[in-house]
């Protein structure tokens, strides 16, 4: 079994708390609007627009001018938003966690991940500061990253060997050209 790309979005095996740190939906919206005033949450713009969670009483984050055209970013629920996406026994999403919401907002381009991390005092793990080795994750291992490159010691040595081999190859090609 391999680790999916959403490994930081659902509760890791090493965590005891299935909800993690919670933020109120109003706090999320307030801080996002402070970073970028073009983010808004109101269904009065497009009351007929469908989005996941609308039937469950959620709302949608929109991006755009107040009197202009708006684009849908993502949907979220009112009330407390857990850190981790909550799944039922069948693997269906019950509610999305703020990690997933912030990843979607950053991917949309409305706000940079670094700005989100600073505003909320969190580490998303998608802005280059992951706490687990990315190569180990691919083989379903959770090994802490110990190097500034984001790899464990073993994979850092491999990475450096690959970089050195590429430099040697480039140098040899350069020497052939000038000879």
Protein backbone atom coordinates (compact mmCIF):
# COMPACT_ATOMS: atom_id res chain seq x y z
CA UNK A 1 0.00 0.00 0.00
CA UNK A 2 1.41 3.39 -0.92
CA UNK A 3 0.78 6.64 0.87
CA UNK A 4 -1.64 8.86 -1.09
CA UNK A 5 -0.89 12.49 -1.91
CA UNK A 6 -3.37 13.44 0.83
CA UNK A 7 -1.25 11.88 3.58
CA UNK A 8 -1.26 15.14 5.54
CA UNK A 9 -4.99 15.66 5.11
CA UNK A 10 -6.26 12.67 7.09
CA UNK A 11 -5.20 11.66 10.58
CA UNK A 12 -1.68 10.17 10.57
CA UNK A 13 -1.23 6.88 12.41
CA UNK A 14 1.15 8.53 14.86
CA UNK A 15 -1.49 11.01 16.12
CA UNK A 16 -3.78 10.22 19.05
CA UNK A 17 -6.26 13.06 18.49
CA UNK A 18 -8.48 12.39 15.45
CA UNK A 19 -9.50 16.05 15.16
CA UNK A 20 -6.21 17.82 15.80
CA UNK A 21 -6.22 21.58 16.20
CA UNK A 22 -9.59 23.11 15.32
CA UNK A 23 -10.35 26.55 13.90
CA UNK A 24 -13.76 28.19 13.80
CA UNK A 25 -15.03 28.74 10.25
CA UNK A 26 -15.48 32.44 11.07
CA UNK A 27 -11.83 32.69 12.15
CA UNK A 28 -10.69 31.01 8.93
CA UNK A 29 -12.74 33.40 6.82
CA UNK A 30 -11.64 36.47 8.80
CA UNK A 31 -7.93 35.66 8.48
CA UNK A 32 -8.21 34.73 4.80
CA UNK A 33 -9.99 38.02 4.08
CA UNK A 34 -7.23 39.84 5.91
CA UNK A 35 -4.64 38.21 3.63
CA UNK A 36 -6.69 38.75 0.47
CA UNK A 37 -9.83 40.94 0.61
CA UNK A 38 -11.10 39.39 -2.64
CA UNK A 39 -11.97 36.17 -0.77
CA UNK A 40 -15.57 36.11 0.42
CA UNK A 41 -18.12 33.64 1.68
CA UNK A 42 -21.66 34.31 0.64
CA UNK A 43 -24.13 32.30 -1.35
CA UNK A 44 -26.14 35.36 -2.27
CA UNK A 45 -23.91 35.86 -5.33
CA UNK A 46 -24.93 32.63 -7.02
CA UNK A 47 -27.76 31.14 -4.97
CA UNK A 48 -28.44 28.54 -7.66
CA UNK A 49 -24.81 27.36 -7.83
CA UNK A 50 -24.24 23.83 -6.60
CA UNK A 51 -21.21 22.87 -4.56
CA UNK A 52 -20.38 19.90 -2.34
CA UNK A 53 -21.77 20.34 1.15
CA UNK A 54 -24.49 22.83 0.21
CA UNK A 55 -27.22 20.42 1.29
CA UNK A 56 -25.43 19.90 4.62
CA UNK A 57 -25.54 23.58 5.50
CA UNK A 58 -22.09 24.51 4.33
CA UNK A 59 -21.03 27.59 2.44
CA UNK A 60 -18.68 28.31 -0.40
CA UNK A 61 -15.56 30.47 -0.55
CA UNK A 62 -15.57 32.76 -3.58
CA UNK A 63 -12.82 34.82 -5.17
CA UNK A 64 -13.42 38.05 -7.04
CA UNK A 65 -14.61 41.64 -6.97
CA UNK A 66 -17.71 42.44 -4.90
CA UNK A 67 -19.72 43.67 -7.89
CA UNK A 68 -17.81 41.68 -10.50
CA UNK A 69 -17.44 38.10 -11.61
CA UNK A 70 -16.55 35.57 -8.91
CA UNK A 71 -14.96 32.12 -9.03
CA UNK A 72 -15.73 29.31 -6.65
CA UNK A 73 -12.69 28.23 -4.59
CA UNK A 74 -14.05 25.46 -2.36
CA UNK A 75 -16.84 24.63 0.05
CA UNK A 76 -16.63 24.31 3.81
CA UNK A 77 -18.95 23.81 6.77
CA UNK A 78 -20.05 26.29 9.41
CA UNK A 79 -18.66 25.85 12.91
CA UNK A 80 -15.45 24.21 14.07
CA UNK A 81 -13.17 22.93 11.31
CA UNK A 82 -10.90 20.07 12.41
CA UNK A 83 -7.28 19.86 11.34
CA UNK A 84 -7.78 16.48 9.68
CA UNK A 85 -10.38 15.47 7.11
CA UNK A 86 -12.89 13.18 8.81
CA UNK A 87 -13.81 9.92 7.07
CA UNK A 88 -16.52 7.39 7.92
CA UNK A 89 -16.01 3.61 8.00
CA UNK A 90 -16.56 3.39 4.22
CA UNK A 91 -13.92 6.03 3.48
CA UNK A 92 -16.49 8.71 2.59
CA UNK A 93 -15.69 12.27 3.62
CA UNK A 94 -17.74 13.49 6.57
CA UNK A 95 -16.10 16.91 6.78
CA UNK A 96 -12.97 18.39 5.27
CA UNK A 97 -10.22 19.53 7.59
CA UNK A 98 -8.52 22.91 7.38
CA UNK A 99 -5.37 21.31 5.91
CA UNK A 100 -7.40 20.27 2.87
CA UNK A 101 -9.14 23.65 2.68
CA UNK A 102 -5.87 25.57 2.83
CA UNK A 103 -4.27 23.29 0.25
CA UNK A 104 -7.17 23.97 -2.13
CA UNK A 105 -7.08 27.72 -1.51
CA UNK A 106 -3.31 27.83 -2.14
CA UNK A 107 -3.68 25.66 -5.27
CA UNK A 108 -6.39 28.01 -6.54
CA UNK A 109 -3.92 30.87 -6.20
CA UNK A 110 -6.04 33.14 -4.04
CA UNK A 111 -3.49 33.07 -1.21
CA UNK A 112 0.07 31.75 -0.97
CA UNK A 113 0.64 28.79 1.34
CA UNK A 114 3.34 30.75 3.17
CA UNK A 115 0.86 33.56 3.95
CA UNK A 116 -1.62 31.02 5.31
CA UNK A 117 1.06 29.46 7.50
CA UNK A 118 2.03 32.85 8.92
CA UNK A 119 -1.54 34.05 9.51
CA UNK A 120 -2.63 30.87 11.29
CA UNK A 121 0.68 29.94 12.95
CA UNK A 122 0.73 26.50 11.33
CA UNK A 123 2.91 24.36 9.04
CA UNK A 124 0.97 22.95 6.10
CA UNK A 125 3.75 20.73 4.90
CA UNK A 126 3.09 21.92 1.33
CA UNK A 127 5.34 24.95 1.45
CA UNK A 128 8.64 23.07 1.52
CA UNK A 129 8.80 22.35 5.26
CA UNK A 130 7.45 18.82 5.47
CA UNK A 131 8.23 16.94 8.66
CA UNK A 132 8.47 13.50 7.00
CA UNK A 133 10.90 12.32 4.33
CA UNK A 134 9.11 12.53 1.00
CA UNK A 135 10.90 9.47 -0.42
CA UNK A 136 10.04 7.34 2.61
CA UNK A 137 6.37 8.38 2.34
CA UNK A 138 6.21 6.84 -1.15
CA UNK A 139 6.95 3.44 0.37
CA UNK A 140 4.39 3.91 3.18
CA UNK A 141 7.04 4.66 5.80
CA UNK A 142 6.83 7.58 8.20
CA UNK A 143 10.46 8.55 8.78
CA UNK A 144 11.17 12.01 10.15
CA UNK A 145 13.09 14.35 7.87
CA UNK A 146 16.34 15.34 9.54
CA UNK A 147 17.90 17.51 6.82
CA UNK A 148 16.93 20.95 5.60
CA UNK A 149 16.22 19.42 2.17
CA UNK A 150 13.25 17.54 3.66
CA UNK A 151 14.79 14.04 3.49
CA UNK A 152 15.94 11.52 6.08
CA UNK A 153 19.69 10.92 6.44
CA UNK A 154 19.72 7.92 4.11
CA UNK A 155 17.84 9.67 1.29
CA UNK A 156 19.87 12.83 1.74
CA UNK A 157 23.03 10.81 1.05
CA UNK A 158 21.40 9.32 -2.07
CA UNK A 159 20.29 12.77 -3.24
CA UNK A 160 23.81 14.14 -2.81
CA UNK A 161 25.26 11.21 -4.76
CA UNK A 162 22.83 11.86 -7.62
CA UNK A 163 23.66 15.55 -7.64
CA UNK A 164 27.39 14.81 -7.64
CA UNK A 165 27.01 12.27 -10.48
CA UNK A 166 25.08 14.84 -12.52
CA UNK A 167 27.79 17.43 -11.91
CA UNK A 168 30.53 14.99 -12.98
CA UNK A 169 28.59 14.09 -16.13
CA UNK A 170 28.08 17.76 -16.97
CA UNK A 171 31.77 18.46 -16.41
CA UNK A 172 32.77 15.56 -18.71
CA UNK A 173 30.43 16.81 -21.45
CA UNK A 174 31.88 20.30 -21.08
CA UNK A 175 35.45 18.96 -21.30
CA UNK A 176 34.59 17.05 -24.52
CA UNK A 177 33.13 20.17 -26.10
CA UNK A 178 36.15 22.36 -25.43
CA UNK A 179 38.65 19.62 -26.41
